[in-house]
Amino acid sequence: MWKTLQYSISTRAVHQIIGLLITGPTVLFAAELTQQVRRPVALALVDAESHLLVANHHSGTLSTIDLDVRRVVGEIRVGRTLSAFVVGRKRAIGVALDDTDSCLITGEIRGHEFHAQGKMSVGRTPVHVLLSADEQRAFVASLWARQTTIVDIAVRAKPRVLATIDLPFSPLLQICLPNPRYLVVAGAFGGELALLDIEAARLLHVHRLEGNNFRGLAISADRQSLYVAHQILNEYPATTRGGVHWGGVLVNVIRSVEIATLHVAQPSTRPAGDLRYLGHPDRAAGDPTGLIVSKEGRQILAFAGVSELAISDREADYFQRVSVGRRPTALILGARGQTVYVANMMDDSLSIVPLDTSTGVQSIQLGPPRELSLAERGEQLFYDATLSSDGWLSCHSCHTDGHTNGRLNDNFGDDSAGAPKRVLSLLGVGATGPWSWGGKVMGLEEQVRKSIRTTMRGTEPTHEQVTALVAYLRTLPPPPSLLRARQRHTGETVSRGARVFRQQGCTDCHEPPRYTSPEIYDVGLQDRLGNRRFNP
């Protein structure tokens, strides 16, 4: 297809390409697109919605799709890895984030082109960006720095930091409330929602909801409620076959929280809101993400773990589920409210879905694929909920993006039931054997196979699946320290703490440089079953 694509582009598109040759940035054209892994993560409609820009994480590129001819017409490199991208509606501005270089990139939107003009550093691992109502400022959430940065983008070529707000958790998503003075930031791993006053540049309140993996935020059509798409990993029941199959272990929901409750500082209470459960036994809805709400109040989101798009009816009582590409993550609704564009992260494709799905779904491949490495195949499997019973959960559901959702779970990792334990991070797991709470598993392959069978209750994985998952896990580095992520000096306090750590014998169990050891110790604590011996 790629060899002949140059002959199938419309005359209008050809003229646009010729114009780019004269005035635009360095662009790869449809017939010249290289074989690479792209991993699309963000979408933006431009040029009166005639074109769609797709931000690709792994390749650091923006793909340009002509929606008239439904073809990729160009691709431009913007950074090393792109984690977010947004464009203005009032101004011809675009803002991208590079999470590898921890920087913000600003530029001008000319027709359907993005021309980079400015660049500045932000906190470690920026993951989400929003524009203010007047599009003079950008709000950047940085994962490991635990910060929201307010950036002046009035002059596109010279972005500058106005303020930085430290958060008590790692953020992932942000949303502006109907009152544009306030911004809500959602936690990446646990159940935190922070309310920020962006005019005063300060954190007002932090609410902790019962849940984890907040992957979708939207304002209700009446502008009175905040919708949150997330998961709830329960402490009980144990991960028996029935516990997983009947949805008791992990549930996928949309939570409706009254916006007024977010402004009330009552740490002893939680703005619980109403829950709408997603999926059911025999057809679960693993890893809900990318929630949007149409003007008519229809809820639209992806079930990323099972590669489906879900579209509610006008009463939000029923979801129609539509198959799309592998791991749909980013969604955007056309201005007319009739079409949803879906970026499918794990197969480098775009799905075009009419809200009235009777006319069918169209798919566009972002470029010619190359053969995936073993670790890249493992990455696909890590986010695949079909490895579990009915599609309730993926590896990512508990080990969020390789880290942890911070919740308790009663699985058989310790060869027992009745003593729930905190989910462990997998960042750096390739070098921290032996595995499991008790340190009884000597091989990471054995641990992966055991988790699929006894925690996810999936079918017996193949040797190839286990090998690929292990290869991916071995690529996950440990996170940076908070001080390093915020680019702050450690100072004498850290040095003094290191001396105490050594003097008190902490290094007997937590040996540098990874601060663990392969031994099993009686740690002086016991779980509900009386177990006292654990591996650090």
Foldseek 3Di string as FASTA:
>chain_A
DLQCVVVQDDPVLVVVVVVCVPDNDDKQFSSRDDADAFQWAAWEAFQLNQWIWTQTFQCQKTWIAGNVSRATGIIDHDDRGWQYKYADPVAQKIWTAHQVQQKIWIAGHDRNGTDTAAMDHDFHGWHDWDAAPVRQWIWIFHFLLQKIWIWGCVPRNDIDTDAIEHHPAGWHDKDAAPPRQWIWTAHQFAAWIWIARVVVGYTDEIAGEQFTHFAEWEAFLVRFWIKTWGKHADQDDEQDVVCQQQCNGMWTWIFIFGPVVNNDHDHVDHSHGDIDTAQGRLAGQADWHAWYADNLGWIWIHSQQAQWIWIAPSVNPDTDIGHDAHRWHHWDADPVRFWIWTQHRLQQKIKIAGSPNPVDIDMYHSHNHDDDDLQSVLVSQQSHQLLFRNSHYGVCSAQPVQAGSQDWHAWCLVPDGDFTDTRGGLQQVLPAADDGFQRPRGDQLVVVQCCSCTNRVGDRDDPSNSSSNSSNSNVHHDRDHNCVSNPHDPPPVVVVVVVVCVVVPQCVAQPPDRGHDSDWDQPVDATPVGDRITGD
